[in-house]
PDB file of N, CA and C in Angstrom:
ATOM      1  N   MET A   1     -11.611 -22.119 -67.417  1.00  0.00           N
ATOM      2  CA  MET A   1     -12.791 -21.936 -66.604  1.00  0.00           C
ATOM      3  C   MET A   1     -12.494 -22.415 -65.190  1.00  0.00           C
ATOM      4  N   TYR A   2     -13.087 -21.738 -64.229  1.00  0.00           N
ATOM      5  CA  TYR A   2     -12.902 -22.067 -62.824  1.00  0.00           C
ATOM      6  C   TYR A   2     -14.261 -22.362 -62.194  1.00  0.00           C
ATOM      7  N   LYS A   3     -14.333 -23.481 -61.531  1.00  0.00           N
ATOM      8  CA  LYS A   3     -15.564 -23.885 -60.857  1.00  0.00           C
ATOM      9  C   LYS A   3     -15.550 -23.304 -59.445  1.00  0.00           C
ATOM     10  N   VAL A   4     -16.624 -22.602 -59.074  1.00  0.00           N
ATOM     11  CA  VAL A   4     -16.745 -22.053 -57.727  1.00  0.00           C
ATOM     12  C   VAL A   4     -17.225 -23.172 -56.806  1.00  0.00           C
ATOM     13  N   LEU A   5     -16.391 -23.538 -55.838  1.00  0.00           N
ATOM     14  CA  LEU A   5     -16.717 -24.640 -54.931  1.00  0.00           C
ATOM     15  C   LEU A   5     -17.513 -24.169 -53.724  1.00  0.00           C
ATOM     16  N   CYS A   6     -17.134 -23.030 -53.159  1.00  0.00           N
ATOM     17  CA  CYS A   6     -17.881 -22.473 -52.024  1.00  0.00           C
ATOM     18  C   CYS A   6     -17.494 -21.013 -51.846  1.00  0.00           C
ATOM     19  N   LYS A   7     -18.337 -20.298 -51.142  1.00  0.00           N
ATOM     20  CA  LYS A   7     -18.022 -18.915 -50.773  1.00  0.00           C
ATOM     21  C   LYS A   7     -18.277 -18.786 -49.289  1.00  0.00           C
ATOM     22  N   TYR A   8     -17.514 -17.923 -48.646  1.00  0.00           N
ATOM     23  CA  TYR A   8     -17.691 -17.730 -47.218  1.00  0.00           C
ATOM     24  C   TYR A   8     -17.314 -16.317 -46.834  1.00  0.00           C
ATOM     25  N   GLN A   9     -17.975 -15.851 -45.794  1.00  0.00           N
ATOM     26  CA  GLN A   9     -17.783 -14.502 -45.298  1.00  0.00           C
ATOM     27  C   GLN A   9     -16.636 -14.484 -44.293  1.00  0.00           C
ATOM     28  N   ILE A  10     -15.849 -13.435 -44.350  1.00  0.00           N
ATOM     29  CA  ILE A  10     -14.741 -13.284 -43.407  1.00  0.00           C
ATOM     30  C   ILE A  10     -15.245 -12.557 -42.168  1.00  0.00           C
ATOM     31  N   ALA A  11     -15.258 -13.266 -41.053  1.00  0.00           N
ATOM     32  CA  ALA A  11     -15.687 -12.745 -39.740  1.00  0.00           C
ATOM     33  C   ALA A  11     -16.999 -11.985 -39.856  1.00  0.00           C
ATOM     34  N   ASN A  12     -17.095 -10.826 -39.249  1.00  0.00           N
ATOM     35  CA  ASN A  12     -18.314 -10.014 -39.265  1.00  0.00           C
ATOM     36  C   ASN A  12     -18.159  -8.837 -40.219  1.00  0.00           C
ATOM     37  N   THR A  13     -17.687  -9.121 -41.432  1.00  0.00           N
ATOM     38  CA  THR A  13     -17.456  -8.070 -42.424  1.00  0.00           C
ATOM     39  C   THR A  13     -18.331  -8.322 -43.646  1.00  0.00           C
ATOM     40  N   ASN A  14     -18.218  -7.437 -44.615  1.00  0.00           N
ATOM     41  CA  ASN A  14     -18.878  -7.630 -45.903  1.00  0.00           C
ATOM     42  C   ASN A  14     -17.887  -8.157 -46.939  1.00  0.00           C
ATOM     43  N   ILE A  15     -16.828  -8.784 -46.471  1.00  0.00           N
ATOM     44  CA  ILE A  15     -15.788  -9.325 -47.333  1.00  0.00           C
ATOM     45  C   ILE A  15     -15.989 -10.832 -47.458  1.00  0.00           C
ATOM     46  N   TYR A  16     -15.941 -11.309 -48.692  1.00  0.00           N
ATOM     47  CA  TYR A  16     -16.138 -12.734 -48.960  1.00  0.00           C
ATOM     48  C   TYR A  16     -14.941 -13.304 -49.700  1.00  0.00           C
ATOM     49  N   CYS A  17     -14.682 -14.576 -49.482  1.00  0.00           N
ATOM     50  CA  CYS A  17     -13.703 -15.340 -50.241  1.00  0.00           C
ATOM     51  C   CYS A  17     -14.438 -16.473 -50.935  1.00  0.00           C
ATOM     52  N   ILE A  18     -13.823 -16.999 -51.974  1.00  0.00           N
ATOM     53  CA  ILE A  18     -14.368 -18.173 -52.639  1.00  0.00           C
ATOM     54  C   ILE A  18     -13.249 -19.188 -52.835  1.00  0.00           C
ATOM     55  N   ASP A  19     -13.614 -20.446 -52.865  1.00  0.00           N
ATOM     56  CA  ASP A  19     -12.694 -21.515 -53.249  1.00  0.00           C
ATOM     57  C   ASP A  19     -13.030 -21.905 -54.666  1.00  0.00           C
ATOM     58  N   VAL A  20     -11.989 -22.057 -55.498  1.00  0.00           N
ATOM     59  CA  VAL A  20     -12.186 -22.419 -56.901  1.00  0.00           C
ATOM     60  C   VAL A  20     -11.350 -23.635 -57.267  1.00  0.00           C
ATOM     61  N   GLU A  21     -11.794 -24.283 -58.330  1.00  0.00           N
ATOM     62  CA  GLU A  21     -11.056 -25.406 -58.910  1.00  0.00           C
ATOM     63  C   GLU A  21     -10.780 -25.067 -60.365  1.00  0.00           C
ATOM     64  N   GLY A  22      -9.555 -25.266 -60.795  1.00  0.00           N
ATOM     65  CA  GLY A  22      -9.169 -24.985 -62.171  1.00  0.00           C
ATOM     66  C   GLY A  22      -7.663 -24.876 -62.270  1.00  0.00           C
ATOM     67  N   LYS A  23      -7.193 -24.289 -63.352  1.00  0.00           N
ATOM     68  CA  LYS A  23      -5.755 -24.112 -63.570  1.00  0.00           C
ATOM     69  C   LYS A  23      -5.315 -22.842 -62.840  1.00  0.00           C
ATOM     70  N   ILE A  24      -5.023 -22.983 -61.556  1.00  0.00           N
ATOM     71  CA  ILE A  24      -4.801 -21.803 -60.715  1.00  0.00           C
ATOM     72  C   ILE A  24      -3.472 -21.103 -60.984  1.00  0.00           C
ATOM     73  N   GLN A  25      -2.579 -21.719 -61.725  1.00  0.00           N
ATOM     74  CA  GLN A  25      -1.301 -21.076 -62.030  1.00  0.00           C
ATOM     75  C   GLN A  25      -1.504 -19.776 -62.809  1.00  0.00           C
ATOM     76  N   LEU A  26      -2.655 -19.616 -63.465  1.00  0.00           N
ATOM     77  CA  LEU A  26      -2.939 -18.419 -64.251  1.00  0.00           C
ATOM     78  C   LEU A  26      -3.499 -17.274 -63.419  1.00  0.00           C
ATOM     79  N   LEU A  27      -3.862 -17.547 -62.177  1.00  0.00           N
ATOM     80  CA  LEU A  27      -4.508 -16.543 -61.340  1.00  0.00           C
ATOM     81  C   LEU A  27      -3.487 -15.724 -60.560  1.00  0.00           C
ATOM     82  N   LYS A  28      -3.690 -14.400 -60.564  1.00  0.00           N
ATOM     83  CA  LYS A  28      -2.849 -13.500 -59.771  1.00  0.00           C
ATOM     84  C   LYS A  28      -3.630 -12.225 -59.493  1.00  0.00           C
ATOM     85  N   ASN A  29      -3.143 -11.428 -58.591  1.00  0.00           N
ATOM     86  CA  ASN A  29      -3.810 -10.174 -58.231  1.00  0.00           C
ATOM     87  C   ASN A  29      -4.005  -9.293 -59.463  1.00  0.00           C
ATOM     88  N   GLY A  30      -5.189  -8.667 -59.550  1.00  0.00           N
ATOM     89  CA  GLY A  30      -5.490  -7.749 -60.643  1.00  0.00           C
ATOM     90  C   GLY A  30      -6.214  -8.367 -61.817  1.00  0.00           C
ATOM     91  N   ILE A  31      -6.255  -9.683 -61.905  1.00  0.00           N
ATOM     92  CA  ILE A  31      -6.936 -10.340 -63.025  1.00  0.00           C
ATOM     93  C   ILE A  31      -8.443 -10.201 -62.844  1.00  0.00           C
ATOM     94  N   LYS A  32      -9.140  -9.941 -63.949  1.00  0.00           N
ATOM     95  CA  LYS A  32     -10.596  -9.817 -63.917  1.00  0.00           C
ATOM     96  C   LYS A  32     -11.227 -11.144 -64.329  1.00  0.00           C
ATOM     97  N   LEU A  33     -12.266 -11.516 -63.571  1.00  0.00           N
ATOM     98  CA  LEU A  33     -13.012 -12.743 -63.831  1.00  0.00           C
ATOM     99  C   LEU A  33     -14.473 -12.402 -64.062  1.00  0.00           C
ATOM    100  N   LYS A  34     -15.136 -13.206 -64.882  1.00  0.00           N
ATOM    101  CA  LYS A  34     -16.555 -12.996 -65.172  1.00  0.00           C
ATOM    102  C   LYS A  34     -17.291 -14.305 -64.962  1.00  0.00           C
ATOM    103  N   ASP A  35     -18.478 -14.229 -64.341  1.00  0.00           N
ATOM    104  CA  ASP A  35     -19.278 -15.439 -64.169  1.00  0.00           C
ATOM    105  C   ASP A  35     -20.333 -15.541 -65.268  1.00  0.00           C
ATOM    106  N   GLU A  36     -21.098 -16.622 -65.251  1.00  0.00           N
ATOM    107  CA  GLU A  36     -22.097 -16.853 -66.298  1.00  0.00           C
ATOM    108  C   GLU A  36     -23.276 -15.889 -66.222  1.00  0.00           C
ATOM    109  N   LYS A  37     -23.390 -15.157 -65.123  1.00  0.00           N
ATOM    110  CA  LYS A  37     -24.452 -14.170 -64.966  1.00  0.00           C
ATOM    111  C   LYS A  37     -24.039 -12.800 -65.503  1.00  0.00           C
ATOM    112  N   GLY A  38     -22.773 -12.666 -65.876  1.00  0.00           N
ATOM    113  CA  GLY A  38     -22.259 -11.391 -66.367  1.00  0.00           C
ATOM    114  C   GLY A  38     -21.592 -10.542 -65.305  1.00  0.00           C
ATOM    115  N   ASN A  39     -21.549 -11.019 -64.063  1.00  0.00           N
ATOM    116  CA  ASN A  39     -20.878 -10.285 -62.986  1.00  0.00           C
ATOM    117  C   ASN A  39     -19.371 -10.299 -63.208  1.00  0.00           C
ATOM    118  N   ILE A  40     -18.719  -9.196 -62.920  1.00  0.00           N
ATOM    119  CA  ILE A  40     -17.269  -9.084 -63.078  1.00  0.00           C
ATOM    120  C   ILE A  40     -16.636  -8.880 -61.706  1.00  0.00           C
ATOM    121  N   PHE A  41     -15.539  -9.580 -61.479  1.00  0.00           N
ATOM    122  CA  PHE A  41     -14.817  -9.542 -60.210  1.00  0.00           C
ATOM    123  C   PHE A  41     -13.336  -9.306 -60.499  1.00  0.00           C
ATOM    124  N   VAL A  42     -12.644  -8.688 -59.556  1.00  0.00           N
ATOM    125  CA  VAL A  42     -11.202  -8.466 -59.666  1.00  0.00           C
ATOM    126  C   VAL A  42     -10.530  -9.209 -58.520  1.00  0.00           C
ATOM    127  N   ILE A  43      -9.515  -9.998 -58.846  1.00  0.00           N
ATOM    128  CA  ILE A  43      -8.790 -10.744 -57.809  1.00  0.00           C
ATOM    129  C   ILE A  43      -7.960  -9.777 -56.973  1.00  0.00           C
ATOM    130  N   GLN A  44      -8.201  -9.791 -55.660  1.00  0.00           N
ATOM    131  CA  GLN A  44      -7.446  -8.978 -54.719  1.00  0.00           C
ATOM    132  C   GLN A  44      -6.306  -9.778 -54.096  1.00  0.00           C
ATOM    133  N   SER A  45      -6.531 -11.090 -53.926  1.00  0.00           N
ATOM    134  CA  SER A  45      -5.517 -11.941 -53.330  1.00  0.00           C
ATOM    135  C   SER A  45      -5.801 -13.395 -53.693  1.00  0.00           C
ATOM    136  N   VAL A  46      -4.732 -14.167 -53.851  1.00  0.00           N
ATOM    137  CA  VAL A  46      -4.827 -15.600 -54.157  1.00  0.00           C
ATOM    138  C   VAL A  46      -4.125 -16.359 -53.044  1.00  0.00           C
ATOM    139  N   GLY A  47      -4.797 -17.365 -52.514  1.00  0.00           N
ATOM    140  CA  GLY A  47      -4.199 -18.169 -51.455  1.00  0.00           C
ATOM    141  C   GLY A  47      -4.393 -19.650 -51.715  1.00  0.00           C
ATOM    142  N   MET A  48      -3.617 -20.447 -51.006  1.00  0.00           N
ATOM    143  CA  MET A  48      -3.734 -21.892 -51.129  1.00  0.00           C
ATOM    144  C   MET A  48      -4.877 -22.353 -50.240  1.00  0.00           C
ATOM    145  N   THR A  49      -5.668 -23.253 -50.760  1.00  0.00           N
ATOM    146  CA  THR A  49      -6.748 -23.840 -49.984  1.00  0.00           C
ATOM    147  C   THR A  49      -6.298 -25.189 -49.443  1.00  0.00           C
ATOM    148  N   LYS A  50      -7.034 -25.743 -48.536  1.00  0.00           N
ATOM    149  CA  LYS A  50      -6.694 -27.061 -48.002  1.00  0.00           C
ATOM    150  C   LYS A  50      -6.795 -28.099 -49.114  1.00  0.00           C
ATOM    151  N   TYR A  51      -5.956 -29.086 -49.059  1.00  0.00           N
ATOM    152  CA  TYR A  51      -6.011 -30.157 -50.043  1.00  0.00           C
ATOM    153  C   TYR A  51      -5.679 -31.477 -49.365  1.00  0.00           C
ATOM    154  N   LYS A  52      -6.139 -32.554 -49.990  1.00  0.00           N
ATOM    155  CA  LYS A  52      -5.921 -33.884 -49.423  1.00  0.00           C
ATOM    156  C   LYS A  52      -4.703 -34.565 -50.040  1.00  0.00           C
ATOM    157  N   ASN A  53      -4.478 -34.346 -51.320  1.00  0.00           N
ATOM    158  CA  ASN A  53      -3.345 -34.949 -52.018  1.00  0.00           C
ATOM    159  C   ASN A  53      -2.350 -33.859 -52.388  1.00  0.00           C
ATOM    160  N   ILE A  54      -1.074 -34.159 -52.372  1.00  0.00           N
ATOM    161  CA  ILE A  54      -0.031 -33.161 -52.622  1.00  0.00           C
ATOM    162  C   ILE A  54      -0.206 -32.461 -53.970  1.00  0.00           C
ATOM    163  N   GLY A  55      -0.695 -33.158 -54.998  1.00  0.00           N
ATOM    164  CA  GLY A  55      -0.874 -32.553 -56.312  1.00  0.00           C
ATOM    165  C   GLY A  55      -2.049 -31.602 -56.403  1.00  0.00           C
ATOM    166  N   ASP A  56      -2.905 -31.577 -55.392  1.00  0.00           N
ATOM    167  CA  ASP A  56      -4.099 -30.730 -55.436  1.00  0.00           C
ATOM    168  C   ASP A  56      -3.788 -29.242 -55.392  1.00  0.00           C
ATOM    169  N   TYR A  57      -2.600 -28.866 -54.914  1.00  0.00           N
ATOM    170  CA  TYR A  57      -2.278 -27.445 -54.835  1.00  0.00           C
ATOM    171  C   TYR A  57      -2.256 -26.791 -56.214  1.00  0.00           C
ATOM    172  N   LYS A  58      -2.148 -27.586 -57.274  1.00  0.00           N
ATOM    173  CA  LYS A  58      -2.125 -27.050 -58.632  1.00  0.00           C
ATOM    174  C   LYS A  58      -3.511 -26.740 -59.183  1.00  0.00           C
ATOM    175  N   LYS A  59      -4.562 -27.228 -58.514  1.00  0.00           N
ATOM    176  CA  LYS A  59      -5.896 -27.019 -59.079  1.00  0.00           C
ATOM    177  C   LYS A  59      -6.919 -26.398 -58.142  1.00  0.00           C
ATOM    178  N   TYR A  60      -6.537 -26.090 -56.897  1.00  0.00           N
ATOM    179  CA  TYR A  60      -7.465 -25.460 -55.959  1.00  0.00           C
ATOM    180  C   TYR A  60      -6.855 -24.197 -55.376  1.00  0.00           C
ATOM    181  N   ALA A  61      -7.672 -23.144 -55.233  1.00  0.00           N
ATOM    182  CA  ALA A  61      -7.201 -21.898 -54.634  1.00  0.00           C
ATOM    183  C   ALA A  61      -8.356 -21.208 -53.917  1.00  0.00           C
ATOM    184  N   THR A  62      -7.984 -20.332 -52.989  1.00  0.00           N
ATOM    185  CA  THR A  62      -8.944 -19.454 -52.331  1.00  0.00           C
ATOM    186  C   THR A  62      -8.689 -18.053 -52.859  1.00  0.00           C
ATOM    187  N   LEU A  63      -9.753 -17.374 -53.289  1.00  0.00           N
ATOM    188  CA  LEU A  63      -9.624 -16.044 -53.869  1.00  0.00           C
ATOM    189  C   LEU A  63     -10.378 -15.023 -53.037  1.00  0.00           C
ATOM    190  N   LEU A  64      -9.745 -13.879 -52.810  1.00  0.00           N
ATOM    191  CA  LEU A  64     -10.412 -12.714 -52.246  1.00  0.00           C
ATOM    192  C   LEU A  64     -10.717 -11.826 -53.443  1.00  0.00           C
ATOM    193  N   LEU A  65     -11.992 -11.563 -53.685  1.00  0.00           N
ATOM    194  CA  LEU A  65     -12.408 -10.841 -54.880  1.00  0.00           C
ATOM    195  C   LEU A  65     -13.073  -9.521 -54.537  1.00  0.00           C
ATOM    196  N   ALA A  66     -12.909  -8.534 -55.418  1.00  0.00           N
ATOM    197  CA  ALA A  66     -13.675  -7.299 -55.349  1.00  0.00           C
ATOM    198  C   ALA A  66     -14.853  -7.473 -56.297  1.00  0.00           C
ATOM    199  N   GLY A  67     -16.034  -7.156 -55.822  1.00  0.00           N
ATOM    200  CA  GLY A  67     -17.238  -7.316 -56.623  1.00  0.00           C
ATOM    201  C   GLY A  67     -18.368  -7.822 -55.752  1.00  0.00           C
ATOM    202  N   LYS A  68     -19.526  -8.024 -56.354  1.00  0.00           N
ATOM    203  CA  LYS A  68     -20.714  -8.458 -55.623  1.00  0.00           C
ATOM    204  C   LYS A  68     -20.696  -9.980 -55.471  1.00  0.00           C
ATOM    205  N   ILE A  69     -19.947 -10.467 -54.501  1.00  0.00           N
ATOM    206  CA  ILE A  69     -19.743 -11.897 -54.300  1.00  0.00           C
ATOM    207  C   ILE A  69     -21.029 -12.601 -53.891  1.00  0.00           C
ATOM    208  N   GLU A  70     -21.937 -11.896 -53.228  1.00  0.00           N
ATOM    209  CA  GLU A  70     -23.176 -12.518 -52.769  1.00  0.00           C
ATOM    210  C   GLU A  70     -23.955 -13.139 -53.921  1.00  0.00           C
ATOM    211  N   ASP A  71     -23.794 -12.624 -55.124  1.00  0.00           N
ATOM    212  CA  ASP A  71     -24.548 -13.076 -56.304  1.00  0.00           C
ATOM    213  C   ASP A  71     -23.664 -13.821 -57.302  1.00  0.00           C
ATOM    214  N   ILE A  72     -22.551 -14.376 -56.860  1.00  0.00           N
ATOM    215  CA  ILE A  72     -21.611 -15.021 -57.773  1.00  0.00           C
ATOM    216  C   ILE A  72     -22.214 -16.290 -58.369  1.00  0.00           C
ATOM    217  N   GLY A  73     -21.867 -16.557 -59.620  1.00  0.00           N
ATOM    218  CA  GLY A  73     -22.352 -17.753 -60.299  1.00  0.00           C
ATOM    219  C   GLY A  73     -21.551 -18.988 -59.926  1.00  0.00           C
ATOM    220  N   LYS A  74     -21.709 -20.047 -60.717  1.00  0.00           N
ATOM    221  CA  LYS A  74     -21.050 -21.323 -60.435  1.00  0.00           C
ATOM    222  C   LYS A  74     -19.725 -21.485 -61.167  1.00  0.00           C
ATOM    223  N   ASN A  75     -19.487 -20.673 -62.198  1.00  0.00           N
ATOM    224  CA  ASN A  75     -18.261 -20.775 -62.994  1.00  0.00           C
ATOM    225  C   ASN A  75     -17.706 -19.396 -63.294  1.00  0.00           C
ATOM    226  N   LEU A  76     -16.380 -19.305 -63.353  1.00  0.00           N
ATOM    227  CA  LEU A  76     -15.702 -18.052 -63.658  1.00  0.00           C
ATOM    228  C   LEU A  76     -14.738 -18.256 -64.818  1.00  0.00           C
ATOM    229  N   THR A  77     -14.577 -17.220 -65.636  1.00  0.00           N
ATOM    230  CA  THR A  77     -13.583 -17.242 -66.702  1.00  0.00           C
ATOM    231  C   THR A  77     -12.765 -15.957 -66.622  1.00  0.00           C
ATOM    232  N   ILE A  78     -11.511 -16.052 -67.048  1.00  0.00           N
ATOM    233  CA  ILE A  78     -10.642 -14.880 -67.088  1.00  0.00           C
ATOM    234  C   ILE A  78     -11.065 -14.005 -68.268  1.00  0.00           C
ATOM    235  N   ILE A  79     -11.277 -12.703 -68.007  1.00  0.00           N
ATOM    236  CA  ILE A  79     -11.635 -11.818 -69.113  1.00  0.00           C
ATOM    237  C   ILE A  79     -10.546 -10.798 -69.414  1.00  0.00           C
ATOM    238  N   LYS A  80      -9.707 -10.507 -68.419  1.00  0.00           N
ATOM    239  CA  LYS A  80      -8.624  -9.561 -68.676  1.00  0.00           C
ATOM    240  C   LYS A  80      -7.523  -9.779 -67.663  1.00  0.00           C
ATOM    241  N   ALA A  81      -6.334  -9.968 -68.144  1.00  0.00           N
ATOM    242  CA  ALA A  81      -5.182 -10.133 -67.257  1.00  0.00           C
ATOM    243  C   ALA A  81      -4.425  -8.808 -67.216  1.00  0.00           C
ATOM    244  N   GLU A  82      -4.193  -8.293 -66.030  1.00  0.00           N
ATOM    245  CA  GLU A  82      -3.406  -7.065 -65.846  1.00  0.00           C
ATOM    246  C   GLU A  82      -1.930  -7.435 -65.850  1.00  0.00           C
ATOM    247  N   ILE A  83      -1.126  -6.645 -66.528  1.00  0.00           N
ATOM    248  CA  ILE A  83       0.312  -6.926 -66.591  1.00  0.00           C
ATOM    249  C   ILE A  83       1.065  -5.949 -65.726  1.00  0.00           C
TER     250      ILE A  83
END
């Protein structure tokens, strides 16, 4: 499970990113995520988020998602991994 920490809009677009906390080593482009509301998102890109301690890079990431990000829930789970 991944906890959604924040979401933010990229410049003056309809594109949003989110910061998540969890086991980010499992996240990669193409993986589908589902929130507790039933919304489904597809990871378009995974990036490193700012961290305070060197070990934090293993549990925090910034995700660019396809889907209705404006209505995203507080938690995400992997529902399908693309190979």
